[in-house]
Structure formats: structure tokens, C-alpha cells
Amino acid sequence: MGRLLRTLVITAFTVTLLSSIPCRAATEEILADANAIAQMEARALQAKPREQCFLYTELVHAMTELAGHQMLAGDPESAAVTLQRVHHYAELIHLGLANDTKRLMNAQMLMHHTTRRLDEYVQHASFEDRESLQATLKQLTQVENELLNQVFAH
């Protein structure tokens, strides 16, 4: 039952991403991103709790990149949906930090890179889109700081 639910969630997420593709030129890139993200999501959901922190961080990074590409391609609606997923997985990282995590320093370094990339997207986004990007950046910066604190605590 759990595997079926996960498959349905991944399929729904992929369909949501693909249904809002703005143009044919970006279709292949976004399709590849959506497929990679769906695979990453499945892997993270099936992983042991101590491995999920890093896997969720990889997922947040990939989704942040996808949201930035969607935003720059003139598709803020798809970017907003993707950013909602980023918020969800950032919250899972936050909640899972108490677990004995694997590759904690790698997760922190990747989150640092992700926040810097998102800051670049904020700088290039339209005025209307900046608010949601800045809210996501604030949340990811907080998660980055929590990861850094955990690195120093271990």
C-alpha cells in the first residue's frame, strides 16, 4: 500500500510539472529535470532515515534549479508549484536533523550552494516573482544554518 501511494505521489508530481511546460524548446530539458527529480524523490522516500537528510538536500537543490529555470523561462506558475515542493522537502530536512545523519557535511555544502544559486535567481526574477523566491531563500538559509550547526555539533 505504501509503495503504491509513493508511486501515485511521484506520478502526480511529474504530471504537474509536465502539464505546465511553456514551450517546446524547454520541453526536453524540463522533462529530463522532472524525471530526474521523480527518481530522486522515490530514492529519498525509500531511504533509511539517517540517509534522508542528504537525499532531501539533493532533491531541494534539483528542484531549486528547476524553479529557477522555470522562472527565467517565463513560467512563474510552474516555478511556484516547484517552490512549494522545495518548502516541503526543506521542512523534512529540518525535522530530520535530529536523526543520526549520513554525509551531513556534504548536505551542508550542497545547501550552501543551493542558497547561493537561489539568490542569483532572485536577482534575475521579475518584481512579482521575487517575493516567493525570497521566502524560499529565507527558509533554505535557515536550514543551511541548522545543518552547519549540526556539522559543528558532531
N, C-alpha and C. Protein backbone atom coordinates (compact mmCIF):
# COMPACT_ATOMS: atom_id res chain seq x y z
N MET A 1 0.82 -1.20 0.00
CA MET A 1 0.00 0.00 0.00
C MET A 1 0.87 1.27 0.00
N GLY A 2 1.92 1.27 0.82
CA GLY A 2 2.80 2.43 0.90
C GLY A 2 3.53 2.70 -0.40
N ARG A 3 3.97 1.64 -1.06
CA ARG A 3 4.68 1.79 -2.34
C ARG A 3 3.75 2.36 -3.40
N LEU A 4 2.50 1.91 -3.40
CA LEU A 4 1.52 2.41 -4.36
C LEU A 4 1.27 3.90 -4.14
N LEU A 5 1.15 4.31 -2.89
CA LEU A 5 0.93 5.72 -2.57
C LEU A 5 2.12 6.55 -3.03
N ARG A 6 3.33 6.08 -2.79
CA ARG A 6 4.52 6.81 -3.22
C ARG A 6 4.55 6.94 -4.74
N THR A 7 4.23 5.87 -5.43
CA THR A 7 4.21 5.91 -6.89
C THR A 7 3.19 6.91 -7.39
N LEU A 8 2.02 6.94 -6.75
CA LEU A 8 0.99 7.90 -7.15
C LEU A 8 1.44 9.33 -6.91
N VAL A 9 2.09 9.59 -5.78
CA VAL A 9 2.57 10.93 -5.46
C VAL A 9 3.62 11.37 -6.48
N ILE A 10 4.54 10.49 -6.80
CA ILE A 10 5.59 10.81 -7.76
C ILE A 10 4.99 11.06 -9.14
N THR A 11 4.05 10.23 -9.53
CA THR A 11 3.40 10.39 -10.83
C THR A 11 2.64 11.72 -10.89
N ALA A 12 1.90 12.03 -9.82
CA ALA A 12 1.15 13.29 -9.79
C ALA A 12 2.09 14.48 -9.87
N PHE A 13 3.20 14.41 -9.16
CA PHE A 13 4.17 15.50 -9.19
C PHE A 13 4.74 15.67 -10.60
N THR A 14 5.09 14.58 -11.24
CA THR A 14 5.65 14.63 -12.59
C THR A 14 4.63 15.19 -13.58
N VAL A 15 3.40 14.75 -13.47
CA VAL A 15 2.34 15.26 -14.36
C VAL A 15 2.13 16.75 -14.14
N THR A 16 2.17 17.19 -12.88
CA THR A 16 2.02 18.61 -12.58
C THR A 16 3.13 19.42 -13.23
N LEU A 17 4.36 18.92 -13.12
CA LEU A 17 5.48 19.63 -13.74
C LEU A 17 5.34 19.67 -15.25
N LEU A 18 4.99 18.54 -15.85
CA LEU A 18 4.94 18.46 -17.29
C LEU A 18 3.75 19.18 -17.90
N SER A 19 2.66 19.31 -17.15
CA SER A 19 1.47 19.93 -17.71
C SER A 19 1.61 21.44 -17.86
N SER A 20 2.65 22.00 -17.26
CA SER A 20 2.79 23.45 -17.31
C SER A 20 4.02 23.88 -18.10
N ILE A 21 4.48 23.08 -19.02
CA ILE A 21 5.66 23.40 -19.82
C ILE A 21 5.32 24.52 -20.81
N PRO A 22 6.08 25.64 -20.79
CA PRO A 22 5.72 26.80 -21.58
C PRO A 22 6.00 26.70 -23.07
N CYS A 23 7.04 25.98 -23.50
CA CYS A 23 7.35 25.94 -24.92
C CYS A 23 8.08 24.65 -25.26
N ARG A 24 8.10 24.30 -26.54
CA ARG A 24 8.71 23.05 -26.99
C ARG A 24 10.23 23.04 -26.76
N ALA A 25 10.89 24.17 -26.90
CA ALA A 25 12.34 24.21 -26.77
C ALA A 25 12.78 23.80 -25.37
N ALA A 26 12.03 24.19 -24.37
CA ALA A 26 12.37 23.87 -22.99
C ALA A 26 11.82 22.52 -22.55
N THR A 27 11.00 21.91 -23.38
CA THR A 27 10.32 20.67 -23.01
C THR A 27 11.29 19.57 -22.65
N GLU A 28 12.28 19.32 -23.49
CA GLU A 28 13.22 18.23 -23.24
C GLU A 28 14.00 18.44 -21.95
N GLU A 29 14.47 19.65 -21.73
CA GLU A 29 15.24 19.93 -20.51
C GLU A 29 14.37 19.77 -19.28
N ILE A 30 13.18 20.33 -19.31
CA ILE A 30 12.29 20.24 -18.16
C ILE A 30 11.83 18.80 -17.95
N LEU A 31 11.59 18.08 -19.03
CA LEU A 31 11.20 16.67 -18.93
C LEU A 31 12.32 15.87 -18.26
N ALA A 32 13.55 16.10 -18.68
CA ALA A 32 14.69 15.42 -18.07
C ALA A 32 14.80 15.78 -16.59
N ASP A 33 14.63 17.07 -16.26
CA ASP A 33 14.67 17.51 -14.87
C ASP A 33 13.55 16.85 -14.07
N ALA A 34 12.34 16.83 -14.63
CA ALA A 34 11.20 16.25 -13.92
C ALA A 34 11.41 14.76 -13.68
N ASN A 35 11.94 14.05 -14.67
CA ASN A 35 12.20 12.62 -14.50
C ASN A 35 13.29 12.39 -13.45
N ALA A 36 14.35 13.18 -13.49
CA ALA A 36 15.43 13.05 -12.51
C ALA A 36 14.90 13.34 -11.11
N ILE A 37 14.09 14.36 -11.00
CA ILE A 37 13.53 14.72 -9.69
C ILE A 37 12.61 13.62 -9.18
N ALA A 38 11.81 13.05 -10.04
CA ALA A 38 10.92 11.95 -9.63
C ALA A 38 11.73 10.76 -9.14
N GLN A 39 12.83 10.46 -9.81
CA GLN A 39 13.69 9.36 -9.38
C GLN A 39 14.36 9.68 -8.04
N MET A 40 14.82 10.92 -7.89
CA MET A 40 15.44 11.33 -6.63
C MET A 40 14.44 11.27 -5.49
N GLU A 41 13.22 11.70 -5.78
CA GLU A 41 12.17 11.69 -4.77
C GLU A 41 11.87 10.27 -4.31
N ALA A 42 11.76 9.35 -5.26
CA ALA A 42 11.50 7.95 -4.92
C ALA A 42 12.64 7.37 -4.08
N ARG A 43 13.87 7.68 -4.47
CA ARG A 43 15.03 7.18 -3.72
C ARG A 43 15.05 7.74 -2.30
N ALA A 44 14.73 9.01 -2.14
CA ALA A 44 14.73 9.63 -0.81
C ALA A 44 13.62 9.06 0.07
N LEU A 45 12.46 8.83 -0.50
CA LEU A 45 11.34 8.29 0.27
C LEU A 45 11.61 6.87 0.75
N GLN A 46 12.38 6.11 0.00
CA GLN A 46 12.67 4.72 0.35
C GLN A 46 13.94 4.57 1.18
N ALA A 47 14.69 5.63 1.37
CA ALA A 47 15.97 5.56 2.08
C ALA A 47 15.76 5.41 3.58
N LYS A 48 16.82 4.97 4.23
CA LYS A 48 16.82 4.89 5.69
C LYS A 48 16.81 6.31 6.24
N PRO A 49 16.20 6.53 7.41
CA PRO A 49 16.12 7.89 7.97
C PRO A 49 17.46 8.61 8.08
N ARG A 50 18.51 7.90 8.40
CA ARG A 50 19.80 8.58 8.55
C ARG A 50 20.39 9.02 7.22
N GLU A 51 19.89 8.50 6.12
CA GLU A 51 20.38 8.88 4.79
C GLU A 51 19.52 9.96 4.14
N GLN A 52 18.34 10.19 4.68
CA GLN A 52 17.39 11.07 4.02
C GLN A 52 17.81 12.53 4.02
N CYS A 53 18.52 12.98 5.02
CA CYS A 53 18.93 14.39 5.07
C CYS A 53 19.68 14.78 3.81
N PHE A 54 20.68 14.00 3.44
CA PHE A 54 21.46 14.33 2.25
C PHE A 54 20.61 14.17 0.99
N LEU A 55 19.81 13.12 0.92
CA LEU A 55 18.99 12.89 -0.27
C LEU A 55 17.95 13.99 -0.44
N TYR A 56 17.36 14.45 0.66
CA TYR A 56 16.42 15.56 0.58
C TYR A 56 17.14 16.84 0.16
N THR A 57 18.38 17.01 0.60
CA THR A 57 19.15 18.19 0.21
C THR A 57 19.43 18.16 -1.29
N GLU A 58 19.76 16.98 -1.83
CA GLU A 58 19.94 16.86 -3.27
C GLU A 58 18.64 17.19 -4.01
N LEU A 59 17.54 16.74 -3.45
CA LEU A 59 16.23 17.00 -4.06
C LEU A 59 15.91 18.49 -4.04
N VAL A 60 16.16 19.14 -2.92
CA VAL A 60 15.93 20.59 -2.82
C VAL A 60 16.80 21.33 -3.82
N HIS A 61 18.03 20.90 -3.97
CA HIS A 61 18.92 21.55 -4.93
C HIS A 61 18.37 21.41 -6.36
N ALA A 62 18.01 20.20 -6.74
CA ALA A 62 17.50 19.97 -8.10
C ALA A 62 16.21 20.75 -8.34
N MET A 63 15.33 20.77 -7.36
CA MET A 63 14.07 21.50 -7.52
C MET A 63 14.28 23.00 -7.57
N THR A 64 15.26 23.49 -6.82
CA THR A 64 15.59 24.91 -6.86
C THR A 64 16.09 25.30 -8.24
N GLU A 65 16.95 24.48 -8.80
CA GLU A 65 17.44 24.72 -10.16
C GLU A 65 16.28 24.72 -11.15
N LEU A 66 15.40 23.74 -11.02
CA LEU A 66 14.25 23.65 -11.92
C LEU A 66 13.36 24.88 -11.78
N ALA A 67 13.09 25.31 -10.55
CA ALA A 67 12.25 26.50 -10.34
C ALA A 67 12.90 27.74 -10.95
N GLY A 68 14.22 27.84 -10.81
CA GLY A 68 14.92 28.97 -11.41
C GLY A 68 14.81 28.97 -12.91
N HIS A 69 14.96 27.81 -13.52
CA HIS A 69 14.83 27.70 -14.98
C HIS A 69 13.40 28.02 -15.42
N GLN A 70 12.43 27.54 -14.66
CA GLN A 70 11.03 27.83 -14.99
C GLN A 70 10.76 29.32 -14.88
N MET A 71 11.28 29.95 -13.84
CA MET A 71 11.08 31.38 -13.63
C MET A 71 11.71 32.18 -14.77
N LEU A 72 12.94 31.84 -15.12
CA LEU A 72 13.64 32.57 -16.18
C LEU A 72 13.04 32.30 -17.56
N ALA A 73 12.35 31.17 -17.71
CA ALA A 73 11.70 30.84 -18.98
C ALA A 73 10.33 31.50 -19.09
N GLY A 74 9.95 32.27 -18.07
CA GLY A 74 8.68 32.97 -18.12
C GLY A 74 7.49 32.13 -17.69
N ASP A 75 7.72 31.15 -16.83
CA ASP A 75 6.65 30.28 -16.35
C ASP A 75 6.58 30.33 -14.82
N PRO A 76 6.15 31.47 -14.27
CA PRO A 76 6.13 31.60 -12.81
C PRO A 76 5.14 30.67 -12.11
N GLU A 77 4.09 30.22 -12.81
CA GLU A 77 3.14 29.31 -12.18
C GLU A 77 3.79 27.97 -11.88
N SER A 78 4.53 27.44 -12.84
CA SER A 78 5.24 26.17 -12.62
C SER A 78 6.32 26.35 -11.56
N ALA A 79 7.00 27.48 -11.59
CA ALA A 79 8.03 27.75 -10.59
C ALA A 79 7.42 27.80 -9.19
N ALA A 80 6.24 28.38 -9.07
CA ALA A 80 5.57 28.44 -7.76
C ALA A 80 5.24 27.04 -7.24
N VAL A 81 4.78 26.17 -8.12
CA VAL A 81 4.48 24.79 -7.73
C VAL A 81 5.77 24.09 -7.29
N THR A 82 6.82 24.29 -8.04
CA THR A 82 8.11 23.66 -7.70
C THR A 82 8.63 24.20 -6.37
N LEU A 83 8.49 25.51 -6.15
CA LEU A 83 8.95 26.10 -4.88
C LEU A 83 8.15 25.57 -3.69
N GLN A 84 6.88 25.26 -3.89
CA GLN A 84 6.10 24.64 -2.82
C GLN A 84 6.71 23.29 -2.44
N ARG A 85 7.15 22.54 -3.42
CA ARG A 85 7.80 21.25 -3.16
C ARG A 85 9.14 21.47 -2.45
N VAL A 86 9.86 22.54 -2.83
CA VAL A 86 11.12 22.87 -2.15
C VAL A 86 10.86 23.13 -0.68
N HIS A 87 9.80 23.91 -0.38
CA HIS A 87 9.43 24.19 1.02
C HIS A 87 9.17 22.88 1.77
N HIS A 88 8.44 21.98 1.14
CA HIS A 88 8.09 20.71 1.78
C HIS A 88 9.35 19.92 2.15
N TYR A 89 10.26 19.78 1.20
CA TYR A 89 11.46 19.00 1.47
C TYR A 89 12.43 19.72 2.39
N ALA A 90 12.45 21.03 2.36
CA ALA A 90 13.27 21.78 3.32
C ALA A 90 12.76 21.54 4.73
N GLU A 91 11.45 21.47 4.88
CA GLU A 91 10.86 21.17 6.19
C GLU A 91 11.23 19.76 6.64
N LEU A 92 11.25 18.81 5.72
CA LEU A 92 11.65 17.44 6.07
C LEU A 92 13.12 17.38 6.49
N ILE A 93 13.96 18.18 5.86
CA ILE A 93 15.37 18.27 6.29
C ILE A 93 15.42 18.79 7.71
N HIS A 94 14.70 19.86 7.96
CA HIS A 94 14.67 20.47 9.29
C HIS A 94 14.20 19.47 10.35
N LEU A 95 13.14 18.74 10.05
CA LEU A 95 12.60 17.78 11.01
C LEU A 95 13.50 16.58 11.21
N GLY A 96 14.26 16.21 10.19
CA GLY A 96 15.10 15.03 10.27
C GLY A 96 16.50 15.26 10.79
N LEU A 97 16.85 16.47 11.16
CA LEU A 97 18.21 16.75 11.60
C LEU A 97 18.56 16.04 12.90
N ALA A 98 17.58 15.70 13.69
CA ALA A 98 17.86 15.03 14.96
C ALA A 98 18.32 13.59 14.73
N ASN A 99 18.00 13.02 13.58
CA ASN A 99 18.43 11.65 13.28
C ASN A 99 19.93 11.59 13.10
N ASP A 100 20.49 10.42 13.32
CA ASP A 100 21.90 10.19 13.04
C ASP A 100 22.09 10.26 11.54
N THR A 101 22.58 11.36 11.04
CA THR A 101 22.61 11.56 9.60
C THR A 101 23.94 11.15 9.00
N LYS A 102 23.84 10.73 7.78
CA LYS A 102 25.00 10.34 6.99
C LYS A 102 25.31 11.50 6.04
N ARG A 103 26.57 11.76 5.80
CA ARG A 103 27.01 12.81 4.88
C ARG A 103 26.47 14.20 5.24
N LEU A 104 26.50 14.50 6.52
CA LEU A 104 25.97 15.78 7.00
C LEU A 104 26.74 16.96 6.43
N MET A 105 28.06 16.87 6.38
CA MET A 105 28.85 17.98 5.84
C MET A 105 28.57 18.17 4.35
N ASN A 106 28.41 17.07 3.62
CA ASN A 106 28.07 17.19 2.20
C ASN A 106 26.71 17.85 2.02
N ALA A 107 25.77 17.50 2.88
CA ALA A 107 24.44 18.13 2.82
C ALA A 107 24.54 19.63 3.07
N GLN A 108 25.34 20.02 4.04
CA GLN A 108 25.51 21.44 4.36
C GLN A 108 26.15 22.18 3.20
N MET A 109 27.16 21.60 2.59
CA MET A 109 27.84 22.26 1.48
C MET A 109 26.92 22.39 0.26
N LEU A 110 26.13 21.36 0.00
CA LEU A 110 25.18 21.42 -1.11
C LEU A 110 24.09 22.46 -0.83
N MET A 111 23.63 22.53 0.40
CA MET A 111 22.61 23.53 0.74
C MET A 111 23.19 24.94 0.61
N HIS A 112 24.45 25.11 0.96
CA HIS A 112 25.10 26.41 0.79
C HIS A 112 25.11 26.80 -0.70
N HIS A 113 25.49 25.85 -1.55
CA HIS A 113 25.48 26.10 -2.99
C HIS A 113 24.06 26.42 -3.48
N THR A 114 23.09 25.69 -2.96
CA THR A 114 21.69 25.90 -3.37
C THR A 114 21.20 27.29 -3.00
N THR A 115 21.52 27.74 -1.80
CA THR A 115 21.07 29.08 -1.39
C THR A 115 21.75 30.16 -2.24
N ARG A 116 23.00 29.95 -2.62
CA ARG A 116 23.67 30.93 -3.48
C ARG A 116 23.03 30.97 -4.86
N ARG A 117 22.70 29.80 -5.42
CA ARG A 117 22.04 29.75 -6.73
C ARG A 117 20.66 30.42 -6.66
N LEU A 118 19.92 30.14 -5.60
CA LEU A 118 18.60 30.75 -5.46
C LEU A 118 18.72 32.26 -5.34
N ASP A 119 19.74 32.74 -4.65
CA ASP A 119 19.97 34.18 -4.55
C ASP A 119 20.21 34.78 -5.94
N GLU A 120 20.93 34.06 -6.79
CA GLU A 120 21.13 34.52 -8.17
C GLU A 120 19.80 34.59 -8.92
N TYR A 121 18.94 33.60 -8.72
CA TYR A 121 17.64 33.62 -9.38
C TYR A 121 16.79 34.79 -8.87
N VAL A 122 16.90 35.10 -7.59
CA VAL A 122 16.16 36.24 -7.05
C VAL A 122 16.58 37.51 -7.76
N GLN A 123 17.88 37.66 -7.99
CA GLN A 123 18.40 38.87 -8.64
C GLN A 123 17.88 39.03 -10.07
N HIS A 124 17.61 37.93 -10.75
CA HIS A 124 17.16 37.98 -12.14
C HIS A 124 15.65 37.87 -12.30
N ALA A 125 14.94 37.63 -11.22
CA ALA A 125 13.49 37.43 -11.30
C ALA A 125 12.77 38.77 -11.43
N SER A 126 11.57 38.70 -11.96
CA SER A 126 10.74 39.90 -12.05
C SER A 126 10.30 40.30 -10.65
N PHE A 127 9.87 41.52 -10.52
CA PHE A 127 9.44 42.04 -9.23
C PHE A 127 8.33 41.19 -8.62
N GLU A 128 7.38 40.73 -9.45
CA GLU A 128 6.24 39.94 -8.97
C GLU A 128 6.69 38.59 -8.42
N ASP A 129 7.75 38.04 -8.98
CA ASP A 129 8.19 36.70 -8.60
C ASP A 129 9.17 36.69 -7.42
N ARG A 130 9.72 37.84 -7.11
CA ARG A 130 10.75 37.89 -6.07
C ARG A 130 10.26 37.50 -4.69
N GLU A 131 9.03 37.82 -4.37
CA GLU A 131 8.53 37.55 -3.02
C GLU A 131 8.58 36.05 -2.69
N SER A 132 8.09 35.22 -3.59
CA SER A 132 8.10 33.78 -3.32
C SER A 132 9.52 33.24 -3.30
N LEU A 133 10.37 33.74 -4.19
CA LEU A 133 11.76 33.30 -4.19
C LEU A 133 12.48 33.72 -2.91
N GLN A 134 12.22 34.93 -2.45
CA GLN A 134 12.86 35.39 -1.22
C GLN A 134 12.38 34.61 0.00
N ALA A 135 11.10 34.23 0.02
CA ALA A 135 10.59 33.40 1.12
C ALA A 135 11.28 32.04 1.14
N THR A 136 11.45 31.47 -0.04
CA THR A 136 12.14 30.18 -0.14
C THR A 136 13.60 30.33 0.26
N LEU A 137 14.24 31.40 -0.19
CA LEU A 137 15.64 31.65 0.17
C LEU A 137 15.79 31.78 1.68
N LYS A 138 14.88 32.46 2.31
CA LYS A 138 14.93 32.62 3.77
C LYS A 138 14.84 31.26 4.46
N GLN A 139 13.92 30.42 4.01
CA GLN A 139 13.76 29.10 4.61
C GLN A 139 15.02 28.24 4.38
N LEU A 140 15.54 28.26 3.16
CA LEU A 140 16.72 27.44 2.87
C LEU A 140 17.95 27.94 3.62
N THR A 141 18.06 29.24 3.82
CA THR A 141 19.17 29.79 4.60
C THR A 141 19.08 29.31 6.04
N GLN A 142 17.88 29.26 6.58
CA GLN A 142 17.68 28.75 7.94
C GLN A 142 18.09 27.27 8.02
N VAL A 143 17.68 26.48 7.03
CA VAL A 143 18.06 25.06 7.01
C VAL A 143 19.57 24.93 6.86
N GLU A 144 20.17 25.76 6.02
CA GLU A 144 21.63 25.74 5.87
C GLU A 144 22.33 26.01 7.20
N ASN A 145 21.84 26.99 7.94
CA ASN A 145 22.42 27.31 9.25
C ASN A 145 22.25 26.16 10.23
N GLU A 146 21.09 25.50 10.20
CA GLU A 146 20.86 24.35 11.08
C GLU A 146 21.80 23.20 10.72
N LEU A 147 21.99 22.99 9.43
CA LEU A 147 22.93 21.94 9.00
C LEU A 147 24.35 22.26 9.47
N LEU A 148 24.74 23.52 9.33
CA LEU A 148 26.06 23.92 9.77
C LEU A 148 26.24 23.71 11.27
N ASN A 149 25.23 24.06 12.05
CA ASN A 149 25.27 23.82 13.50
C ASN A 149 25.42 22.34 13.81
N GLN A 150 24.72 21.49 13.05
CA GLN A 150 24.82 20.05 13.26
C GLN A 150 26.22 19.54 12.91
N VAL A 151 26.82 20.10 11.85
CA VAL A 151 28.17 19.70 11.46
C VAL A 151 29.13 19.99 12.60
N PHE A 152 29.01 21.17 13.20
CA PHE A 152 29.91 21.55 14.28
C PHE A 152 29.60 20.78 15.56
N ALA A 153 28.37 20.32 15.73
CA ALA A 153 28.00 19.57 16.93
C ALA A 153 28.54 18.14 16.89
N HIS A 154 28.80 17.64 15.69
CA HIS A 154 29.29 16.25 15.59
C HIS A 154 30.76 16.21 15.59
